[in-house]
Structures are given as structure tokens and as C-alpha cells.
N, C-alpha and C. Protein backbone atom coordinates (compact mmCIF):
# COMPACT_ATOMS: atom_id res chain seq x y z
N MET A 1 -15.38 -21.37 -48.27
CA MET A 1 -15.51 -20.64 -47.09
C MET A 1 -14.29 -19.88 -46.87
N SER A 2 -14.40 -18.62 -46.67
CA SER A 2 -13.23 -17.74 -46.40
C SER A 2 -13.16 -17.43 -44.91
N LEU A 3 -12.10 -17.64 -44.31
CA LEU A 3 -11.85 -17.45 -42.85
C LEU A 3 -10.70 -16.52 -42.65
N GLY A 4 -10.88 -15.48 -41.72
CA GLY A 4 -9.84 -14.61 -41.33
C GLY A 4 -8.86 -15.24 -40.42
N PRO A 5 -7.94 -14.60 -40.04
CA PRO A 5 -6.92 -15.11 -38.95
C PRO A 5 -7.55 -15.43 -37.75
N VAL A 6 -6.98 -16.43 -37.06
CA VAL A 6 -7.63 -16.95 -35.82
C VAL A 6 -7.45 -15.68 -34.72
N GLY A 7 -8.47 -15.45 -33.93
CA GLY A 7 -8.28 -14.37 -32.92
C GLY A 7 -7.60 -14.88 -31.80
N SER A 8 -7.38 -14.11 -30.80
CA SER A 8 -6.61 -14.39 -29.63
C SER A 8 -7.26 -15.48 -28.84
N SER A 9 -6.55 -16.17 -27.99
CA SER A 9 -7.09 -17.19 -27.14
C SER A 9 -8.00 -16.64 -26.21
N SER A 10 -7.75 -15.38 -25.77
CA SER A 10 -8.62 -14.75 -24.82
C SER A 10 -10.10 -14.66 -25.41
N SER A 11 -10.22 -14.41 -26.69
CA SER A 11 -11.59 -14.32 -27.26
C SER A 11 -12.29 -15.69 -27.24
N LEU A 12 -11.45 -16.78 -27.39
CA LEU A 12 -12.09 -18.12 -27.34
C LEU A 12 -12.63 -18.33 -25.91
N VAL A 13 -11.75 -18.00 -24.86
CA VAL A 13 -12.17 -18.12 -23.51
C VAL A 13 -13.42 -17.26 -23.16
N SER A 14 -13.36 -16.05 -23.73
CA SER A 14 -14.58 -15.19 -23.52
C SER A 14 -15.84 -15.74 -24.11
N LEU A 15 -15.65 -16.37 -25.32
CA LEU A 15 -16.89 -17.01 -25.96
C LEU A 15 -17.35 -18.11 -25.15
N LEU A 16 -16.37 -18.95 -24.65
CA LEU A 16 -16.85 -20.00 -23.63
C LEU A 16 -17.68 -19.47 -22.54
N LYS A 17 -17.11 -18.49 -21.82
CA LYS A 17 -17.72 -17.98 -20.72
C LYS A 17 -18.96 -17.31 -20.97
N ALA A 18 -19.16 -16.68 -22.10
CA ALA A 18 -20.41 -16.07 -22.47
C ALA A 18 -21.49 -17.03 -22.81
N GLU A 19 -21.18 -18.13 -23.41
CA GLU A 19 -22.12 -19.26 -23.69
C GLU A 19 -22.55 -19.83 -22.40
N LEU A 20 -21.63 -20.11 -21.53
CA LEU A 20 -21.93 -20.74 -20.19
C LEU A 20 -22.85 -19.74 -19.42
N ALA A 21 -22.54 -18.54 -19.37
CA ALA A 21 -23.36 -17.56 -18.63
C ALA A 21 -24.70 -17.39 -19.17
N SER A 22 -24.80 -17.49 -20.54
CA SER A 22 -26.19 -17.39 -21.26
C SER A 22 -26.98 -18.50 -20.93
N ASP A 23 -26.39 -19.75 -21.00
CA ASP A 23 -27.14 -20.95 -20.68
C ASP A 23 -27.64 -20.95 -19.23
N THR A 24 -26.82 -20.54 -18.30
CA THR A 24 -27.14 -20.45 -16.89
C THR A 24 -28.35 -19.51 -16.73
N ARG A 25 -28.19 -18.29 -17.26
CA ARG A 25 -29.30 -17.33 -17.19
C ARG A 25 -30.57 -17.85 -17.69
N ARG A 26 -30.59 -18.54 -18.73
CA ARG A 26 -31.73 -19.03 -19.40
C ARG A 26 -32.41 -20.05 -18.51
N ARG A 27 -31.63 -20.89 -17.86
CA ARG A 27 -32.17 -21.94 -16.93
C ARG A 27 -32.72 -21.37 -15.70
N THR A 28 -32.08 -20.31 -15.14
CA THR A 28 -32.53 -19.81 -13.80
C THR A 28 -33.65 -18.79 -13.95
N THR A 29 -33.73 -18.17 -15.04
CA THR A 29 -34.83 -17.19 -15.07
C THR A 29 -36.11 -17.72 -15.61
N GLY A 30 -35.99 -18.61 -16.55
CA GLY A 30 -37.16 -19.30 -17.07
C GLY A 30 -37.91 -18.38 -18.07
N LYS A 31 -37.56 -17.14 -18.27
CA LYS A 31 -38.11 -16.27 -19.17
C LYS A 31 -37.00 -15.69 -20.10
N ALA A 32 -37.30 -15.54 -21.36
CA ALA A 32 -36.35 -14.89 -22.27
C ALA A 32 -36.71 -13.42 -22.50
N GLY A 33 -35.85 -12.58 -22.35
CA GLY A 33 -36.06 -11.11 -22.56
C GLY A 33 -35.94 -10.86 -23.96
N ALA A 34 -35.97 -9.63 -24.50
CA ALA A 34 -35.91 -9.27 -25.85
C ALA A 34 -34.55 -9.61 -26.35
N ALA A 35 -33.35 -9.34 -25.53
CA ALA A 35 -32.10 -9.63 -26.12
C ALA A 35 -31.83 -11.04 -26.23
N SER A 36 -32.19 -11.81 -25.27
CA SER A 36 -32.01 -13.31 -25.32
C SER A 36 -32.89 -13.93 -26.34
N SER A 37 -34.12 -13.38 -26.54
CA SER A 37 -34.97 -13.85 -27.61
C SER A 37 -34.36 -13.75 -29.08
N SER A 38 -33.75 -12.59 -29.25
CA SER A 38 -33.09 -12.39 -30.63
C SER A 38 -31.92 -13.29 -30.80
N ARG A 39 -31.24 -13.63 -29.67
CA ARG A 39 -30.07 -14.48 -29.74
C ARG A 39 -30.60 -15.85 -29.92
N SER A 40 -31.72 -16.30 -29.24
CA SER A 40 -32.27 -17.58 -29.46
C SER A 40 -32.72 -17.84 -30.90
N GLN A 41 -33.27 -16.74 -31.42
CA GLN A 41 -33.66 -16.94 -32.88
C GLN A 41 -32.42 -17.10 -33.75
N ALA A 42 -31.41 -16.45 -33.44
CA ALA A 42 -30.12 -16.47 -34.30
C ALA A 42 -29.66 -17.91 -34.14
N ALA A 43 -29.66 -18.52 -33.03
CA ALA A 43 -29.05 -19.76 -32.77
C ALA A 43 -30.01 -20.94 -32.85
N ALA A 44 -31.22 -20.67 -33.37
CA ALA A 44 -32.30 -21.73 -33.41
C ALA A 44 -31.85 -22.90 -34.28
N GLY A 45 -30.94 -22.66 -35.20
CA GLY A 45 -30.63 -23.84 -36.11
C GLY A 45 -29.47 -24.73 -35.55
N ARG A 46 -28.94 -24.42 -34.44
CA ARG A 46 -27.84 -25.06 -33.94
C ARG A 46 -28.05 -25.48 -32.37
N PRO A 47 -27.57 -26.62 -32.03
CA PRO A 47 -27.77 -27.07 -30.65
C PRO A 47 -26.90 -26.20 -29.70
N SER A 48 -27.32 -26.19 -28.42
CA SER A 48 -26.60 -25.43 -27.42
C SER A 48 -25.14 -26.00 -27.27
N LEU A 49 -24.23 -25.19 -27.05
CA LEU A 49 -22.84 -25.70 -26.79
C LEU A 49 -22.72 -26.34 -25.50
N ARG A 50 -23.28 -25.84 -24.42
CA ARG A 50 -23.12 -26.34 -23.10
C ARG A 50 -23.22 -27.99 -22.99
N PRO A 51 -24.29 -28.53 -23.57
CA PRO A 51 -24.34 -29.99 -23.45
C PRO A 51 -23.22 -30.78 -24.08
N GLN A 52 -22.77 -30.11 -25.19
CA GLN A 52 -21.64 -30.77 -25.97
C GLN A 52 -20.39 -30.68 -25.11
N LEU A 53 -20.10 -29.67 -24.40
CA LEU A 53 -18.93 -29.39 -23.56
C LEU A 53 -19.07 -30.32 -22.38
N ILE A 54 -20.18 -30.39 -21.76
CA ILE A 54 -20.31 -31.34 -20.57
C ILE A 54 -20.11 -32.72 -20.99
N GLU A 55 -20.58 -33.17 -22.07
CA GLU A 55 -20.33 -34.51 -22.56
C GLU A 55 -18.80 -34.74 -22.84
N ALA A 56 -18.16 -33.77 -23.39
CA ALA A 56 -16.79 -33.83 -23.78
C ALA A 56 -15.80 -33.96 -22.54
N VAL A 57 -16.25 -33.50 -21.36
CA VAL A 57 -15.44 -33.54 -20.23
C VAL A 57 -15.92 -34.34 -19.01
N LYS A 58 -16.94 -34.97 -19.14
CA LYS A 58 -17.58 -35.68 -18.02
C LYS A 58 -16.81 -36.71 -17.30
N ASP A 59 -15.86 -37.38 -18.05
CA ASP A 59 -15.11 -38.44 -17.49
C ASP A 59 -13.57 -38.12 -17.41
N ILE A 60 -13.29 -36.85 -17.48
CA ILE A 60 -11.92 -36.38 -17.47
C ILE A 60 -11.36 -36.32 -16.08
N ASP A 61 -10.16 -37.00 -15.91
CA ASP A 61 -9.47 -36.91 -14.56
C ASP A 61 -8.61 -35.68 -14.66
N ARG A 62 -9.10 -34.58 -13.90
CA ARG A 62 -8.34 -33.32 -13.93
C ARG A 62 -6.94 -33.35 -13.41
N THR A 63 -6.54 -34.45 -12.65
CA THR A 63 -5.25 -34.55 -12.14
C THR A 63 -4.30 -35.24 -13.13
N HIS A 64 -4.74 -35.68 -14.26
CA HIS A 64 -3.89 -36.41 -15.25
C HIS A 64 -3.69 -35.35 -16.40
N PRO A 65 -2.40 -34.83 -16.54
CA PRO A 65 -2.22 -33.86 -17.54
C PRO A 65 -2.52 -34.20 -19.01
N ASP A 66 -2.30 -35.48 -19.37
CA ASP A 66 -2.56 -35.86 -20.76
C ASP A 66 -4.13 -35.85 -21.00
N ALA A 67 -4.87 -36.25 -20.02
CA ALA A 67 -6.37 -36.21 -20.21
C ALA A 67 -6.83 -34.81 -20.23
N VAL A 68 -6.23 -33.94 -19.53
CA VAL A 68 -6.63 -32.50 -19.51
C VAL A 68 -6.31 -31.86 -20.95
N LYS A 69 -5.11 -32.21 -21.37
CA LYS A 69 -4.67 -31.73 -22.68
C LYS A 69 -5.64 -32.21 -23.81
N GLN A 70 -6.00 -33.45 -23.75
CA GLN A 70 -6.96 -33.93 -24.78
C GLN A 70 -8.40 -33.37 -24.68
N ALA A 71 -8.74 -33.02 -23.41
CA ALA A 71 -10.03 -32.32 -23.20
C ALA A 71 -10.00 -30.94 -23.73
N ARG A 72 -8.82 -30.29 -23.63
CA ARG A 72 -8.69 -29.00 -24.07
C ARG A 72 -8.91 -28.91 -25.63
N ARG A 73 -8.28 -29.88 -26.31
CA ARG A 73 -8.44 -29.95 -27.76
C ARG A 73 -9.93 -30.30 -28.09
N ARG A 74 -10.52 -31.15 -27.37
CA ARG A 74 -11.95 -31.49 -27.65
C ARG A 74 -12.86 -30.29 -27.53
N ILE A 75 -12.56 -29.40 -26.46
CA ILE A 75 -13.43 -28.24 -26.15
C ILE A 75 -13.18 -27.22 -27.21
N ILE A 76 -11.87 -26.99 -27.54
CA ILE A 76 -11.65 -25.99 -28.58
C ILE A 76 -12.25 -26.50 -29.97
N ARG A 77 -12.16 -27.76 -30.38
CA ARG A 77 -12.81 -28.20 -31.54
C ARG A 77 -14.24 -27.96 -31.49
N ALA A 78 -14.91 -28.32 -30.34
CA ALA A 78 -16.36 -28.13 -30.29
C ALA A 78 -16.87 -26.75 -30.38
N VAL A 79 -16.06 -25.85 -29.71
CA VAL A 79 -16.39 -24.40 -29.83
C VAL A 79 -16.27 -23.90 -31.22
N LEU A 80 -15.11 -24.28 -31.92
CA LEU A 80 -14.97 -23.77 -33.24
C LEU A 80 -16.01 -24.30 -34.23
N VAL A 81 -16.43 -25.60 -34.16
CA VAL A 81 -17.36 -26.14 -34.99
C VAL A 81 -18.75 -25.52 -34.68
N TRP A 82 -19.05 -25.31 -33.37
CA TRP A 82 -20.29 -24.78 -32.93
C TRP A 82 -20.43 -23.30 -33.50
N GLN A 83 -19.33 -22.55 -33.40
CA GLN A 83 -19.36 -21.17 -33.83
C GLN A 83 -19.41 -20.98 -35.33
N PHE A 84 -18.55 -21.72 -36.01
CA PHE A 84 -18.34 -21.51 -37.45
C PHE A 84 -18.95 -22.59 -38.37
N GLY A 85 -19.51 -23.65 -37.81
CA GLY A 85 -20.26 -24.68 -38.56
C GLY A 85 -19.22 -25.85 -38.91
N PRO A 86 -19.84 -27.05 -39.16
CA PRO A 86 -19.06 -28.18 -39.43
C PRO A 86 -18.15 -28.13 -40.67
N ASP A 87 -18.50 -27.23 -41.55
CA ASP A 87 -17.63 -27.08 -42.80
C ASP A 87 -16.29 -26.54 -42.40
N LEU A 88 -16.10 -26.00 -41.33
CA LEU A 88 -14.76 -25.45 -40.95
C LEU A 88 -13.83 -26.64 -40.83
N ARG A 89 -14.15 -27.84 -40.59
CA ARG A 89 -13.24 -28.90 -40.47
C ARG A 89 -12.70 -29.42 -41.85
N GLU A 90 -13.38 -28.85 -42.91
CA GLU A 90 -12.92 -29.19 -44.29
C GLU A 90 -11.83 -28.13 -44.75
N HIS A 91 -11.72 -27.08 -43.94
CA HIS A 91 -10.77 -25.97 -44.39
C HIS A 91 -9.45 -26.46 -44.43
N SER A 92 -8.56 -25.95 -45.31
CA SER A 92 -7.18 -26.54 -45.32
C SER A 92 -6.38 -26.24 -44.14
N GLN A 93 -6.71 -25.21 -43.38
CA GLN A 93 -5.84 -24.82 -42.23
C GLN A 93 -6.48 -25.36 -40.90
N TRP A 94 -7.52 -26.20 -40.96
CA TRP A 94 -8.19 -26.67 -39.85
C TRP A 94 -7.24 -27.18 -38.66
N ALA A 95 -6.47 -28.20 -39.04
CA ALA A 95 -5.57 -28.74 -38.08
C ALA A 95 -4.51 -27.80 -37.54
N ALA A 96 -4.03 -26.92 -38.31
CA ALA A 96 -3.01 -25.92 -38.00
C ALA A 96 -3.68 -24.91 -37.06
N MET A 97 -4.96 -24.53 -37.29
CA MET A 97 -5.63 -23.58 -36.44
C MET A 97 -5.89 -24.24 -35.13
N LEU A 98 -6.36 -25.40 -35.04
CA LEU A 98 -6.59 -26.17 -33.77
C LEU A 98 -5.34 -26.21 -33.04
N ASP A 99 -4.22 -26.59 -33.62
CA ASP A 99 -2.98 -26.75 -32.94
C ASP A 99 -2.58 -25.38 -32.36
N ALA A 100 -2.59 -24.37 -33.20
CA ALA A 100 -2.15 -23.03 -32.76
C ALA A 100 -2.92 -22.52 -31.55
N ILE A 101 -4.32 -22.76 -31.56
CA ILE A 101 -5.05 -22.34 -30.43
C ILE A 101 -4.71 -23.11 -29.13
N ALA A 102 -4.57 -24.39 -29.32
CA ALA A 102 -4.26 -25.24 -28.14
C ALA A 102 -2.88 -24.86 -27.59
N THR A 103 -1.96 -24.75 -28.53
CA THR A 103 -0.56 -24.32 -28.04
C THR A 103 -0.58 -22.99 -27.28
N THR A 104 -1.26 -21.99 -27.80
CA THR A 104 -1.35 -20.68 -27.34
C THR A 104 -1.94 -20.77 -25.84
N LEU A 105 -3.04 -21.63 -25.60
CA LEU A 105 -3.67 -21.73 -24.35
C LEU A 105 -2.62 -22.45 -23.34
N GLU A 106 -1.94 -23.40 -23.93
CA GLU A 106 -1.15 -24.14 -23.01
C GLU A 106 0.17 -23.37 -22.47
N GLN A 107 0.45 -22.29 -23.20
CA GLN A 107 1.64 -21.48 -22.80
C GLN A 107 1.36 -20.44 -21.76
N ASP A 108 0.10 -20.24 -21.40
CA ASP A 108 -0.13 -19.15 -20.44
C ASP A 108 -0.82 -19.75 -19.18
N ALA A 109 -0.25 -19.55 -18.13
CA ALA A 109 -0.66 -20.04 -16.72
C ALA A 109 -2.10 -19.61 -16.40
N GLU A 110 -2.41 -18.36 -16.73
CA GLU A 110 -3.75 -17.83 -16.50
C GLU A 110 -4.81 -18.55 -17.36
N HIS A 111 -4.48 -18.95 -18.54
CA HIS A 111 -5.43 -19.73 -19.44
C HIS A 111 -5.60 -21.08 -18.89
N LEU A 112 -4.52 -21.61 -18.42
CA LEU A 112 -4.63 -23.02 -17.77
C LEU A 112 -5.48 -23.05 -16.60
N ALA A 113 -5.37 -22.07 -15.84
CA ALA A 113 -6.11 -21.96 -14.56
C ALA A 113 -7.61 -21.73 -15.04
N GLN A 114 -7.88 -20.91 -15.97
CA GLN A 114 -9.25 -20.66 -16.42
C GLN A 114 -9.84 -21.97 -17.00
N PHE A 115 -9.07 -22.67 -17.70
CA PHE A 115 -9.57 -23.90 -18.30
C PHE A 115 -9.78 -24.94 -17.28
N ASP A 116 -8.96 -24.96 -16.27
CA ASP A 116 -9.24 -25.91 -15.09
C ASP A 116 -10.50 -25.53 -14.42
N ALA A 117 -10.83 -24.22 -14.27
CA ALA A 117 -12.10 -23.77 -13.62
C ALA A 117 -13.23 -24.13 -14.43
N LEU A 118 -13.05 -24.05 -15.86
CA LEU A 118 -14.09 -24.36 -16.76
C LEU A 118 -14.40 -25.89 -16.60
N LEU A 119 -13.40 -26.75 -16.59
CA LEU A 119 -13.52 -28.13 -16.45
C LEU A 119 -14.29 -28.48 -15.20
N ALA A 120 -13.94 -27.92 -14.12
CA ALA A 120 -14.57 -28.11 -12.90
C ALA A 120 -16.00 -27.81 -12.85
N GLU A 121 -16.36 -26.62 -13.40
CA GLU A 121 -17.74 -26.14 -13.56
C GLU A 121 -18.56 -27.08 -14.48
N LEU A 122 -17.99 -27.50 -15.60
CA LEU A 122 -18.72 -28.33 -16.49
C LEU A 122 -18.96 -29.72 -15.88
N GLN A 123 -17.96 -30.20 -15.10
CA GLN A 123 -18.07 -31.47 -14.43
C GLN A 123 -19.06 -31.47 -13.24
N GLN A 124 -19.13 -30.35 -12.60
CA GLN A 124 -20.02 -30.16 -11.47
C GLN A 124 -21.48 -30.19 -12.02
N VAL A 125 -21.71 -29.57 -13.11
CA VAL A 125 -23.09 -29.48 -13.71
C VAL A 125 -23.50 -30.87 -14.33
N GLY A 126 -22.52 -31.49 -14.98
CA GLY A 126 -22.73 -32.70 -15.70
C GLY A 126 -22.95 -33.80 -14.70
């Protein structure tokens, strides 16, 4: 498996937001349009990301920094495996990639705030 360099953490956050918005639209509309139909066909072989994320954060105490840090890594891991497949974990740079993304997110106050909002939303839904 050939992988290019890891994109910015902003693209990871955007991917999370897009998936959450997509799941929300599908639940509230009840009908799939042509665009969502083609997306559904493309994703037919893999489970939805949202339930995985809800499960990963359901018991997280958002006031405990270590718990939030662990949740961040679980969410990053889930998104990467969901997006690129489970074989990604076998890649020689898997741990380094995961660490780099987590470290990048932890260094930006805006990303930390967005992650906290994501946790709150996932826990509210779950």
C-alpha cells in the first residue's frame, strides 16, 4: 500500500465534520438524493463512521485532560482506518502518522476547541 504524506489536521477535522453532517442529513431527510445515493454506493462496503465515534467517546469525562487526549487518539485512529482501510495499521509509519496528527491537533487552541465541540456533540447524540 502506497501512502502519500499526511495532510493537514484541518483536513482531518473537515472530514469528521463532513461525515457527521452527512449522517445527520440522511437521518433527518429520510430520502437520499442523487449525490448522497452515489456516496452511499461508494461507502456500501464499510460501516458508518458516526456510530464508531459515538462508541469511542460515550464514557469520556471531558473535564479530565488525559481522558480527552486518549479519546482524541481513538477518534483519529477510527477516522484513518475508516477512510483508508484496516490495512493502514500495517503500514510501517502507522504509529508515527498517528502521533504526528495527534500532536498537531494538540498544539492548536482552535483545534482543541473544535475537538471539544465534536466530543460534546457525539456524547449528546449517543
